[in-house]
């Protein structure tokens, strides 16, 4: 998978997503301002070293979507589905078939 190629910002995003935290809560956890945390997550400044214990298949598709620069509603429109459906797929709920087909992984 993509794990070895993740940027620090992508790792921070996945870590935050796994903990179900907002950026504000993550900033507080790291004891930095919200602006500083956002800069880290967007790879605009150097953030802390984050180690992930692997990434799940659905997380792989989250990273691909983010690298494409698409929001959940934009990607849902491309796939012809409801944003909530895409959110569920990207949370490990439901079949990933449509995402796999879109990204050429079928």
PDB file of N, CA and C in Angstrom:
ATOM      1  N   UNK A   1       0.835  -1.196   0.000  1.00  0.00           N
ATOM      2  CA  UNK A   1       0.000   0.000   0.000  1.00  0.00           C
ATOM      3  C   UNK A   1       0.870   1.246   0.000  1.00  0.00           C
ATOM      4  N   UNK A   2       0.319   2.274   0.439  1.00  0.00           N
ATOM      5  CA  UNK A   2       0.847   3.619   0.357  1.00  0.00           C
ATOM      6  C   UNK A   2       1.584   4.061   1.612  1.00  0.00           C
ATOM      7  N   UNK A   3       1.568   3.246   2.635  1.00  0.00           N
ATOM      8  CA  UNK A   3       2.009   3.652   3.972  1.00  0.00           C
ATOM      9  C   UNK A   3       3.396   4.285   4.004  1.00  0.00           C
ATOM     10  N   UNK A   4       4.340   3.729   3.273  1.00  0.00           N
ATOM     11  CA  UNK A   4       5.708   4.237   3.313  1.00  0.00           C
ATOM     12  C   UNK A   4       5.822   5.621   2.682  1.00  0.00           C
ATOM     13  N   UNK A   5       4.867   5.993   1.854  1.00  0.00           N
ATOM     14  CA  UNK A   5       4.912   7.257   1.128  1.00  0.00           C
ATOM     15  C   UNK A   5       4.101   8.371   1.785  1.00  0.00           C
ATOM     16  N   UNK A   6       3.516   8.117   2.932  1.00  0.00           N
ATOM     17  CA  UNK A   6       2.684   9.127   3.577  1.00  0.00           C
ATOM     18  C   UNK A   6       3.521  10.305   4.067  1.00  0.00           C
ATOM     19  N   UNK A   7       2.995  11.501   3.869  1.00  0.00           N
ATOM     20  CA  UNK A   7       3.640  12.684   4.414  1.00  0.00           C
ATOM     21  C   UNK A   7       3.287  12.789   5.894  1.00  0.00           C
ATOM     22  N   UNK A   8       3.992  13.647   6.599  1.00  0.00           N
ATOM     23  CA  UNK A   8       3.671  13.875   8.010  1.00  0.00           C
ATOM     24  C   UNK A   8       2.238  14.380   8.145  1.00  0.00           C
ATOM     25  N   UNK A   9       1.830  15.287   7.266  1.00  0.00           N
ATOM     26  CA  UNK A   9       0.470  15.811   7.315  1.00  0.00           C
ATOM     27  C   UNK A   9      -0.581  14.734   7.115  1.00  0.00           C
ATOM     28  N   UNK A  10      -0.321  13.810   6.194  1.00  0.00           N
ATOM     29  CA  UNK A  10      -1.258  12.713   5.959  1.00  0.00           C
ATOM     30  C   UNK A  10      -1.328  11.799   7.178  1.00  0.00           C
ATOM     31  N   UNK A  11      -0.202  11.545   7.799  1.00  0.00           N
ATOM     32  CA  UNK A  11      -0.196  10.724   9.012  1.00  0.00           C
ATOM     33  C   UNK A  11      -0.976  11.406  10.131  1.00  0.00           C
ATOM     34  N   UNK A  12      -0.777  12.713  10.274  1.00  0.00           N
ATOM     35  CA  UNK A  12      -1.531  13.461  11.290  1.00  0.00           C
ATOM     36  C   UNK A  12      -3.024  13.393  11.009  1.00  0.00           C
ATOM     37  N   UNK A  13      -3.405  13.548   9.739  1.00  0.00           N
ATOM     38  CA  UNK A  13      -4.821  13.477   9.364  1.00  0.00           C
ATOM     39  C   UNK A  13      -5.400  12.111   9.737  1.00  0.00           C
ATOM     40  N   UNK A  14      -4.691  11.032   9.376  1.00  0.00           N
ATOM     41  CA  UNK A  14      -5.189   9.697   9.685  1.00  0.00           C
ATOM     42  C   UNK A  14      -5.254   9.456  11.188  1.00  0.00           C
ATOM     43  N   UNK A  15      -4.239   9.917  11.907  1.00  0.00           N
ATOM     44  CA  UNK A  15      -4.247   9.786  13.362  1.00  0.00           C
ATOM     45  C   UNK A  15      -5.467  10.499  13.952  1.00  0.00           C
ATOM     46  N   UNK A  16      -5.716  11.721  13.492  1.00  0.00           N
ATOM     47  CA  UNK A  16      -6.860  12.503  13.982  1.00  0.00           C
ATOM     48  C   UNK A  16      -8.171  11.809  13.622  1.00  0.00           C
ATOM     49  N   UNK A  17      -8.250  11.315  12.416  1.00  0.00           N
ATOM     50  CA  UNK A  17      -9.456  10.636  11.942  1.00  0.00           C
ATOM     51  C   UNK A  17      -9.725   9.382  12.787  1.00  0.00           C
ATOM     52  N   UNK A  18      -8.687   8.639  13.095  1.00  0.00           N
ATOM     53  CA  UNK A  18      -8.838   7.432  13.914  1.00  0.00           C
ATOM     54  C   UNK A  18      -9.337   7.762  15.317  1.00  0.00           C
ATOM     55  N   UNK A  19      -8.871   8.868  15.847  1.00  0.00           N
ATOM     56  CA  UNK A  19      -9.280   9.277  17.194  1.00  0.00           C
ATOM     57  C   UNK A  19     -10.610  10.022  17.208  1.00  0.00           C
ATOM     58  N   UNK A  20     -11.135  10.286  15.996  1.00  0.00           N
ATOM     59  CA  UNK A  20     -12.399  11.018  15.842  1.00  0.00           C
ATOM     60  C   UNK A  20     -12.316  12.399  16.499  1.00  0.00           C
ATOM     61  N   UNK A  21     -11.213  13.091  16.230  1.00  0.00           N
ATOM     62  CA  UNK A  21     -10.990  14.416  16.792  1.00  0.00           C
ATOM     63  C   UNK A  21     -11.137  15.486  15.722  1.00  0.00           C
ATOM     64  N   UNK A  22     -11.491  16.667  16.145  1.00  0.00           N
ATOM     65  CA  UNK A  22     -11.465  17.830  15.264  1.00  0.00           C
ATOM     66  C   UNK A  22     -10.023  18.330  15.201  1.00  0.00           C
ATOM     67  N   UNK A  23      -9.768  19.228  14.246  1.00  0.00           N
ATOM     68  CA  UNK A  23      -8.439  19.837  14.195  1.00  0.00           C
ATOM     69  C   UNK A  23      -8.179  20.623  15.474  1.00  0.00           C
ATOM     70  N   UNK A  24      -9.201  21.281  15.983  1.00  0.00           N
ATOM     71  CA  UNK A  24      -9.048  22.063  17.214  1.00  0.00           C
ATOM     72  C   UNK A  24      -8.643  21.164  18.384  1.00  0.00           C
ATOM     73  N   UNK A  25      -9.293  20.012  18.509  1.00  0.00           N
ATOM     74  CA  UNK A  25      -8.964  19.085  19.591  1.00  0.00           C
ATOM     75  C   UNK A  25      -7.556  18.521  19.415  1.00  0.00           C
ATOM     76  N   UNK A  26      -7.163  18.251  18.171  1.00  0.00           N
ATOM     77  CA  UNK A  26      -5.817  17.747  17.921  1.00  0.00           C
ATOM     78  C   UNK A  26      -4.773  18.805  18.241  1.00  0.00           C
ATOM     79  N   UNK A  27      -5.068  20.047  17.901  1.00  0.00           N
ATOM     80  CA  UNK A  27      -4.146  21.139  18.232  1.00  0.00           C
ATOM     81  C   UNK A  27      -3.949  21.214  19.738  1.00  0.00           C
ATOM     82  N   UNK A  28      -5.020  21.076  20.472  1.00  0.00           N
ATOM     83  CA  UNK A  28      -4.940  21.114  21.939  1.00  0.00           C
ATOM     84  C   UNK A  28      -4.107  19.936  22.452  1.00  0.00           C
ATOM     85  N   UNK A  29      -4.314  18.769  21.868  1.00  0.00           N
ATOM     86  CA  UNK A  29      -3.567  17.578  22.252  1.00  0.00           C
ATOM     87  C   UNK A  29      -2.060  17.788  22.062  1.00  0.00           C
ATOM     88  N   UNK A  30      -1.698  18.458  20.974  1.00  0.00           N
ATOM     89  CA  UNK A  30      -0.281  18.722  20.683  1.00  0.00           C
ATOM     90  C   UNK A  30       0.207  20.041  21.305  1.00  0.00           C
ATOM     91  N   UNK A  31      -0.695  20.738  21.986  1.00  0.00           N
ATOM     92  CA  UNK A  31      -0.369  21.996  22.654  1.00  0.00           C
ATOM     93  C   UNK A  31       0.190  23.040  21.680  1.00  0.00           C
ATOM     94  N   UNK A  32      -0.518  23.181  20.548  1.00  0.00           N
ATOM     95  CA  UNK A  32      -0.166  24.205  19.562  1.00  0.00           C
ATOM     96  C   UNK A  32      -1.440  24.945  19.161  1.00  0.00           C
ATOM     97  N   UNK A  33      -1.276  26.038  18.471  1.00  0.00           N
ATOM     98  CA  UNK A  33      -2.447  26.768  17.995  1.00  0.00           C
ATOM     99  C   UNK A  33      -3.129  25.973  16.878  1.00  0.00           C
ATOM    100  N   UNK A  34      -4.374  26.290  16.653  1.00  0.00           N
ATOM    101  CA  UNK A  34      -5.111  25.658  15.568  1.00  0.00           C
ATOM    102  C   UNK A  34      -4.432  25.941  14.232  1.00  0.00           C
ATOM    103  N   UNK A  35      -3.966  27.157  14.039  1.00  0.00           N
ATOM    104  CA  UNK A  35      -3.282  27.522  12.790  1.00  0.00           C
ATOM    105  C   UNK A  35      -2.017  26.688  12.596  1.00  0.00           C
ATOM    106  N   UNK A  36      -1.267  26.478  13.671  1.00  0.00           N
ATOM    107  CA  UNK A  36      -0.046  25.669  13.576  1.00  0.00           C
ATOM    108  C   UNK A  36      -0.385  24.221  13.226  1.00  0.00           C
ATOM    109  N   UNK A  37      -1.421  23.690  13.868  1.00  0.00           N
ATOM    110  CA  UNK A  37      -1.812  22.309  13.578  1.00  0.00           C
ATOM    111  C   UNK A  37      -2.267  22.167  12.129  1.00  0.00           C
ATOM    112  N   UNK A  38      -3.077  23.107  11.664  1.00  0.00           N
ATOM    113  CA  UNK A  38      -3.545  23.052  10.272  1.00  0.00           C
ATOM    114  C   UNK A  38      -2.369  23.100   9.298  1.00  0.00           C
ATOM    115  N   UNK A  39      -1.381  23.910   9.599  1.00  0.00           N
ATOM    116  CA  UNK A  39      -0.194  23.988   8.739  1.00  0.00           C
ATOM    117  C   UNK A  39       0.521  22.635   8.708  1.00  0.00           C
ATOM    118  N   UNK A  40       0.604  21.968   9.862  1.00  0.00           N
ATOM    119  CA  UNK A  40       1.207  20.640   9.891  1.00  0.00           C
ATOM    120  C   UNK A  40       0.421  19.672   9.023  1.00  0.00           C
ATOM    121  N   UNK A  41      -0.908  19.633   9.247  1.00  0.00           N
ATOM    122  CA  UNK A  41      -1.750  18.660   8.546  1.00  0.00           C
ATOM    123  C   UNK A  41      -1.770  18.914   7.037  1.00  0.00           C
ATOM    124  N   UNK A  42      -1.557  20.155   6.642  1.00  0.00           N
ATOM    125  CA  UNK A  42      -1.517  20.499   5.213  1.00  0.00           C
ATOM    126  C   UNK A  42      -0.103  20.485   4.654  1.00  0.00           C
ATOM    127  N   UNK A  43       0.843  19.966   5.443  1.00  0.00           N
ATOM    128  CA  UNK A  43       2.249  19.883   5.033  1.00  0.00           C
ATOM    129  C   UNK A  43       2.827  21.228   4.617  1.00  0.00           C
ATOM    130  N   UNK A  44       2.382  22.280   5.313  1.00  0.00           N
ATOM    131  CA  UNK A  44       2.896  23.619   5.052  1.00  0.00           C
ATOM    132  C   UNK A  44       4.023  23.980   6.020  1.00  0.00           C
ATOM    133  N   UNK A  45       4.162  23.210   7.079  1.00  0.00           N
ATOM    134  CA  UNK A  45       5.278  23.367   8.009  1.00  0.00           C
ATOM    135  C   UNK A  45       5.556  22.000   8.616  1.00  0.00           C
ATOM    136  N   UNK A  46       6.739  21.854   9.165  1.00  0.00           N
ATOM    137  CA  UNK A  46       7.148  20.563   9.703  1.00  0.00           C
ATOM    138  C   UNK A  46       6.420  20.263  11.007  1.00  0.00           C
ATOM    139  N   UNK A  47       5.767  19.122  11.029  1.00  0.00           N
ATOM    140  CA  UNK A  47       5.036  18.712  12.216  1.00  0.00           C
ATOM    141  C   UNK A  47       5.774  17.629  12.969  1.00  0.00           C
ATOM    142  N   UNK A  48       5.156  17.109  14.018  1.00  0.00           N
ATOM    143  CA  UNK A  48       5.789  16.066  14.828  1.00  0.00           C
ATOM    144  C   UNK A  48       5.873  14.748  14.065  1.00  0.00           C
ATOM    145  N   UNK A  49       6.796  13.917  14.481  1.00  0.00           N
ATOM    146  CA  UNK A  49       6.933  12.594  13.880  1.00  0.00           C
ATOM    147  C   UNK A  49       5.771  11.726  14.364  1.00  0.00           C
ATOM    148  N   UNK A  50       5.038  11.172  13.428  1.00  0.00           N
ATOM    149  CA  UNK A  50       3.880  10.342  13.762  1.00  0.00           C
ATOM    150  C   UNK A  50       4.119   8.945  13.208  1.00  0.00           C
ATOM    151  N   UNK A  51       3.902   7.949  14.027  1.00  0.00           N
ATOM    152  CA  UNK A  51       4.036   6.560  13.589  1.00  0.00           C
ATOM    153  C   UNK A  51       2.659   5.925  13.591  1.00  0.00           C
ATOM    154  N   UNK A  52       2.303   5.361  12.471  1.00  0.00           N
ATOM    155  CA  UNK A  52       1.027   4.648  12.364  1.00  0.00           C
ATOM    156  C   UNK A  52       1.311   3.154  12.303  1.00  0.00           C
ATOM    157  N   UNK A  53       0.455   2.384  12.892  1.00  0.00           N
ATOM    158  CA  UNK A  53       0.576   0.927  12.837  1.00  0.00           C
ATOM    159  C   UNK A  53      -0.173   0.419  11.613  1.00  0.00           C
ATOM    160  N   UNK A  54       0.336   0.732  10.433  1.00  0.00           N
ATOM    161  CA  UNK A  54      -0.311   0.324   9.194  1.00  0.00           C
ATOM    162  C   UNK A  54      -1.483   1.224   8.849  1.00  0.00           C
ATOM    163  N   UNK A  55      -1.979   1.080   7.631  1.00  0.00           N
ATOM    164  CA  UNK A  55      -3.181   1.813   7.254  1.00  0.00           C
ATOM    165  C   UNK A  55      -4.198   0.829   6.686  1.00  0.00           C
ATOM    166  N   UNK A  56      -5.438   1.118   6.961  1.00  0.00           N
ATOM    167  CA  UNK A  56      -6.530   0.280   6.475  1.00  0.00           C
ATOM    168  C   UNK A  56      -6.808   0.606   5.008  1.00  0.00           C
ATOM    169  N   UNK A  57      -7.456  -0.301   4.315  1.00  0.00           N
ATOM    170  CA  UNK A  57      -7.748  -0.101   2.894  1.00  0.00           C
ATOM    171  C   UNK A  57      -8.536   1.181   2.671  1.00  0.00           C
ATOM    172  N   UNK A  58      -9.553   1.432   3.482  1.00  0.00           N
ATOM    173  CA  UNK A  58     -10.356   2.631   3.287  1.00  0.00           C
ATOM    174  C   UNK A  58      -9.530   3.894   3.532  1.00  0.00           C
ATOM    175  N   UNK A  59      -8.554   3.832   4.429  1.00  0.00           N
ATOM    176  CA  UNK A  59      -7.694   4.987   4.674  1.00  0.00           C
ATOM    177  C   UNK A  59      -6.843   5.297   3.448  1.00  0.00           C
ATOM    178  N   UNK A  60      -6.455   4.259   2.738  1.00  0.00           N
ATOM    179  CA  UNK A  60      -5.715   4.425   1.486  1.00  0.00           C
ATOM    180  C   UNK A  60      -6.525   5.295   0.516  1.00  0.00           C
ATOM    181  N   UNK A  61      -7.827   5.029   0.427  1.00  0.00           N
ATOM    182  CA  UNK A  61      -8.681   5.783  -0.493  1.00  0.00           C
ATOM    183  C   UNK A  61      -8.929   7.212  -0.007  1.00  0.00           C
ATOM    184  N   UNK A  62      -8.923   7.422   1.291  1.00  0.00           N
ATOM    185  CA  UNK A  62      -9.017   8.783   1.821  1.00  0.00           C
ATOM    186  C   UNK A  62      -7.812   9.586   1.355  1.00  0.00           C
ATOM    187  N   UNK A  63      -6.626   9.004   1.479  1.00  0.00           N
ATOM    188  CA  UNK A  63      -5.405   9.701   1.077  1.00  0.00           C
ATOM    189  C   UNK A  63      -5.406   9.979  -0.420  1.00  0.00           C
ATOM    190  N   UNK A  64      -5.815   9.019  -1.219  1.00  0.00           N
ATOM    191  CA  UNK A  64      -5.871   9.248  -2.668  1.00  0.00           C
ATOM    192  C   UNK A  64      -6.825  10.400  -3.002  1.00  0.00           C
ATOM    193  N   UNK A  65      -7.985  10.428  -2.334  1.00  0.00           N
ATOM    194  CA  UNK A  65      -8.944  11.517  -2.575  1.00  0.00           C
ATOM    195  C   UNK A  65      -8.345  12.857  -2.173  1.00  0.00           C
ATOM    196  N   UNK A  66      -7.723  12.895  -1.016  1.00  0.00           N
ATOM    197  CA  UNK A  66      -7.112  14.150  -0.548  1.00  0.00           C
ATOM    198  C   UNK A  66      -6.002  14.610  -1.490  1.00  0.00           C
ATOM    199  N   UNK A  67      -5.213  13.671  -1.985  1.00  0.00           N
ATOM    200  CA  UNK A  67      -4.144  14.027  -2.929  1.00  0.00           C
ATOM    201  C   UNK A  67      -4.709  14.560  -4.231  1.00  0.00           C
ATOM    202  N   UNK A  68      -5.886  14.093  -4.588  1.00  0.00           N
ATOM    203  CA  UNK A  68      -6.563  14.600  -5.785  1.00  0.00           C
ATOM    204  C   UNK A  68      -7.107  16.002  -5.550  1.00  0.00           C
ATOM    205  N   UNK A  69      -7.214  16.376  -4.281  1.00  0.00           N
ATOM    206  CA  UNK A  69      -7.723  17.699  -3.928  1.00  0.00           C
ATOM    207  C   UNK A  69      -9.234  17.768  -3.871  1.00  0.00           C
ATOM    208  N   UNK A  70      -9.879  16.634  -3.695  1.00  0.00           N
ATOM    209  CA  UNK A  70     -11.344  16.572  -3.661  1.00  0.00           C
ATOM    210  C   UNK A  70     -11.857  16.501  -2.229  1.00  0.00           C
ATOM    211  N   UNK A  71     -12.905  17.253  -1.981  1.00  0.00           N
ATOM    212  CA  UNK A  71     -13.619  17.129  -0.711  1.00  0.00           C
ATOM    213  C   UNK A  71     -14.533  15.905  -0.809  1.00  0.00           C
ATOM    214  N   UNK A  72     -15.116  15.519   0.298  1.00  0.00           N
ATOM    215  CA  UNK A  72     -16.060  14.399   0.286  1.00  0.00           C
ATOM    216  C   UNK A  72     -17.235  14.702  -0.654  1.00  0.00           C
ATOM    217  N   UNK A  73     -17.875  15.898  -0.569  1.00  0.00           N
ATOM    218  CA  UNK A  73     -18.981  16.160  -1.492  1.00  0.00           C
ATOM    219  C   UNK A  73     -18.558  16.149  -2.975  1.00  0.00           C
ATOM    220  N   UNK A  74     -17.369  16.663  -3.266  1.00  0.00           N
ATOM    221  CA  UNK A  74     -16.894  16.660  -4.661  1.00  0.00           C
ATOM    222  C   UNK A  74     -16.662  15.237  -5.162  1.00  0.00           C
ATOM    223  N   UNK A  75     -16.037  14.411  -4.339  1.00  0.00           N
ATOM    224  CA  UNK A  75     -15.761  13.030  -4.735  1.00  0.00           C
ATOM    225  C   UNK A  75     -17.053  12.237  -4.846  1.00  0.00           C
ATOM    226  N   UNK A  76     -17.994  12.496  -3.947  1.00  0.00           N
ATOM    227  CA  UNK A  76     -19.293  11.817  -4.013  1.00  0.00           C
ATOM    228  C   UNK A  76     -19.986  12.139  -5.333  1.00  0.00           C
ATOM    229  N   UNK A  77     -19.898  13.391  -5.768  1.00  0.00           N
ATOM    230  CA  UNK A  77     -20.504  13.782  -7.044  1.00  0.00           C
ATOM    231  C   UNK A  77     -19.834  13.043  -8.208  1.00  0.00           C
ATOM    232  N   UNK A  78     -18.526  12.916  -8.165  1.00  0.00           N
ATOM    233  CA  UNK A  78     -17.798  12.184  -9.204  1.00  0.00           C
ATOM    234  C   UNK A  78     -18.244  10.727  -9.248  1.00  0.00           C
ATOM    235  N   UNK A  79     -18.414  10.135  -8.072  1.00  0.00           N
ATOM    236  CA  UNK A  79     -18.803   8.728  -7.986  1.00  0.00           C
ATOM    237  C   UNK A  79     -20.308   8.517  -8.170  1.00  0.00           C
ATOM    238  N   UNK A  80     -21.079   9.609  -8.126  1.00  0.00           N
ATOM    239  CA  UNK A  80     -22.521   9.495  -8.274  1.00  0.00           C
ATOM    240  C   UNK A  80     -23.194   8.910  -7.049  1.00  0.00           C
ATOM    241  N   UNK A  81     -22.683   9.278  -5.876  1.00  0.00           N
ATOM    242  CA  UNK A  81     -23.285   8.783  -4.635  1.00  0.00           C
ATOM    243  C   UNK A  81     -23.487   9.948  -3.677  1.00  0.00           C
ATOM    244  N   UNK A  82     -24.149   9.671  -2.598  1.00  0.00           N
ATOM    245  CA  UNK A  82     -24.393  10.644  -1.550  1.00  0.00           C
ATOM    246  C   UNK A  82     -23.103  10.853  -0.744  1.00  0.00           C
ATOM    247  N   UNK A  83     -22.802  12.088  -0.315  1.00  0.00           N
ATOM    248  CA  UNK A  83     -21.606  12.302   0.516  1.00  0.00           C
ATOM    249  C   UNK A  83     -21.572  11.428   1.778  1.00  0.00           C
ATOM    250  N   UNK A  84     -22.729  11.190   2.372  1.00  0.00           N
ATOM    251  CA  UNK A  84     -22.774  10.335   3.557  1.00  0.00           C
ATOM    252  C   UNK A  84     -22.347   8.906   3.217  1.00  0.00           C
ATOM    253  N   UNK A  85     -22.725   8.439   2.043  1.00  0.00           N
ATOM    254  CA  UNK A  85     -22.308   7.108   1.603  1.00  0.00           C
ATOM    255  C   UNK A  85     -20.796   7.048   1.476  1.00  0.00           C
ATOM    256  N   UNK A  86     -20.200   8.062   0.837  1.00  0.00           N
ATOM    257  CA  UNK A  86     -18.743   8.099   0.697  1.00  0.00           C
ATOM    258  C   UNK A  86     -18.082   8.187   2.062  1.00  0.00           C
ATOM    259  N   UNK A  87     -18.615   9.015   2.942  1.00  0.00           N
ATOM    260  CA  UNK A  87     -18.076   9.121   4.295  1.00  0.00           C
ATOM    261  C   UNK A  87     -18.079   7.748   4.972  1.00  0.00           C
ATOM    262  N   UNK A  88     -19.166   7.007   4.819  1.00  0.00           N
ATOM    263  CA  UNK A  88     -19.247   5.671   5.412  1.00  0.00           C
ATOM    264  C   UNK A  88     -18.199   4.740   4.814  1.00  0.00           C
ATOM    265  N   UNK A  89     -18.028   4.775   3.489  1.00  0.00           N
ATOM    266  CA  UNK A  89     -17.006   3.938   2.858  1.00  0.00           C
ATOM    267  C   UNK A  89     -15.629   4.289   3.404  1.00  0.00           C
ATOM    268  N   UNK A  90     -15.389   5.596   3.556  1.00  0.00           N
ATOM    269  CA  UNK A  90     -14.084   6.055   4.039  1.00  0.00           C
ATOM    270  C   UNK A  90     -13.935   5.881   5.555  1.00  0.00           C
ATOM    271  N   UNK A  91     -14.943   5.332   6.183  1.00  0.00           N
ATOM    272  CA  UNK A  91     -14.881   5.010   7.615  1.00  0.00           C
ATOM    273  C   UNK A  91     -14.856   3.502   7.823  1.00  0.00           C
ATOM    274  N   UNK A  92     -14.725   2.767   6.727  1.00  0.00           N
ATOM    275  CA  UNK A  92     -14.664   1.307   6.821  1.00  0.00           C
ATOM    276  C   UNK A  92     -16.011   0.629   6.922  1.00  0.00           C
ATOM    277  N   UNK A  93     -17.076   1.370   6.623  1.00  0.00           N
ATOM    278  CA  UNK A  93     -18.422   0.804   6.693  1.00  0.00           C
ATOM    279  C   UNK A  93     -18.922   0.587   5.269  1.00  0.00           C
ATOM    280  N   UNK A  94     -19.224  -0.616   4.937  1.00  0.00           N
ATOM    281  CA  UNK A  94     -19.758  -0.907   3.614  1.00  0.00           C
ATOM    282  C   UNK A  94     -18.679  -1.346   2.633  1.00  0.00           C
ATOM    283  N   UNK A  95     -19.133  -1.694   1.464  1.00  0.00           N
ATOM    284  CA  UNK A  95     -18.257  -2.204   0.412  1.00  0.00           C
ATOM    285  C   UNK A  95     -17.394  -1.088  -0.189  1.00  0.00           C
ATOM    286  N   UNK A  96     -16.166  -1.413  -0.488  1.00  0.00           N
ATOM    287  CA  UNK A  96     -15.256  -0.456  -1.123  1.00  0.00           C
ATOM    288  C   UNK A  96     -15.197  -0.644  -2.639  1.00  0.00           C
ATOM    289  N   UNK A  97     -16.076  -1.474  -3.164  1.00  0.00           N
ATOM    290  CA  UNK A  97     -16.044  -1.823  -4.582  1.00  0.00           C
ATOM    291  C   UNK A  97     -16.009  -0.597  -5.494  1.00  0.00           C
ATOM    292  N   UNK A  98     -16.885   0.388  -5.254  1.00  0.00           N
ATOM    293  CA  UNK A  98     -16.933   1.570  -6.125  1.00  0.00           C
ATOM    294  C   UNK A  98     -15.645   2.378  -6.047  1.00  0.00           C
ATOM    295  N   UNK A  99     -15.100   2.499  -4.849  1.00  0.00           N
ATOM    296  CA  UNK A  99     -13.837   3.212  -4.706  1.00  0.00           C
ATOM    297  C   UNK A  99     -12.715   2.459  -5.408  1.00  0.00           C
ATOM    298  N   UNK A 100     -12.684   1.162  -5.241  1.00  0.00           N
ATOM    299  CA  UNK A 100     -11.653   0.344  -5.885  1.00  0.00           C
ATOM    300  C   UNK A 100     -11.739   0.460  -7.396  1.00  0.00           C
ATOM    301  N   UNK A 101     -12.954   0.427  -7.923  1.00  0.00           N
ATOM    302  CA  UNK A 101     -13.134   0.558  -9.368  1.00  0.00           C
ATOM    303  C   UNK A 101     -12.684   1.942  -9.845  1.00  0.00           C
ATOM    304  N   UNK A 102     -13.063   2.979  -9.132  1.00  0.00           N
ATOM    305  CA  UNK A 102     -12.687   4.336  -9.532  1.00  0.00           C
ATOM    306  C   UNK A 102     -11.169   4.482  -9.594  1.00  0.00           C
ATOM    307  N   UNK A 103     -10.482   3.954  -8.599  1.00  0.00           N
ATOM    308  CA  UNK A 103      -9.030   4.108  -8.524  1.00  0.00           C
ATOM    309  C   UNK A 103      -8.289   3.027  -9.298  1.00  0.00           C
ATOM    310  N   UNK A 104      -9.039   2.166  -9.983  1.00  0.00           N
ATOM    311  CA  UNK A 104      -8.412   1.129 -10.812  1.00  0.00           C
ATOM    312  C   UNK A 104      -7.809  -0.011 -10.015  1.00  0.00           C
ATOM    313  N   UNK A 105      -8.409  -0.331  -8.902  1.00  0.00           N
ATOM    314  CA  UNK A 105      -7.902  -1.409  -8.044  1.00  0.00           C
ATOM    315  C   UNK A 105      -8.845  -2.600  -8.006  1.00  0.00           C
ATOM    316  N   UNK A 106      -9.677  -2.766  -8.998  1.00  0.00           N
ATOM    317  CA  UNK A 106     -10.646  -3.865  -8.953  1.00  0.00           C
ATOM    318  C   UNK A 106     -10.087  -5.133  -9.435  1.00  0.00           C
TER     319      UNK A 106
END
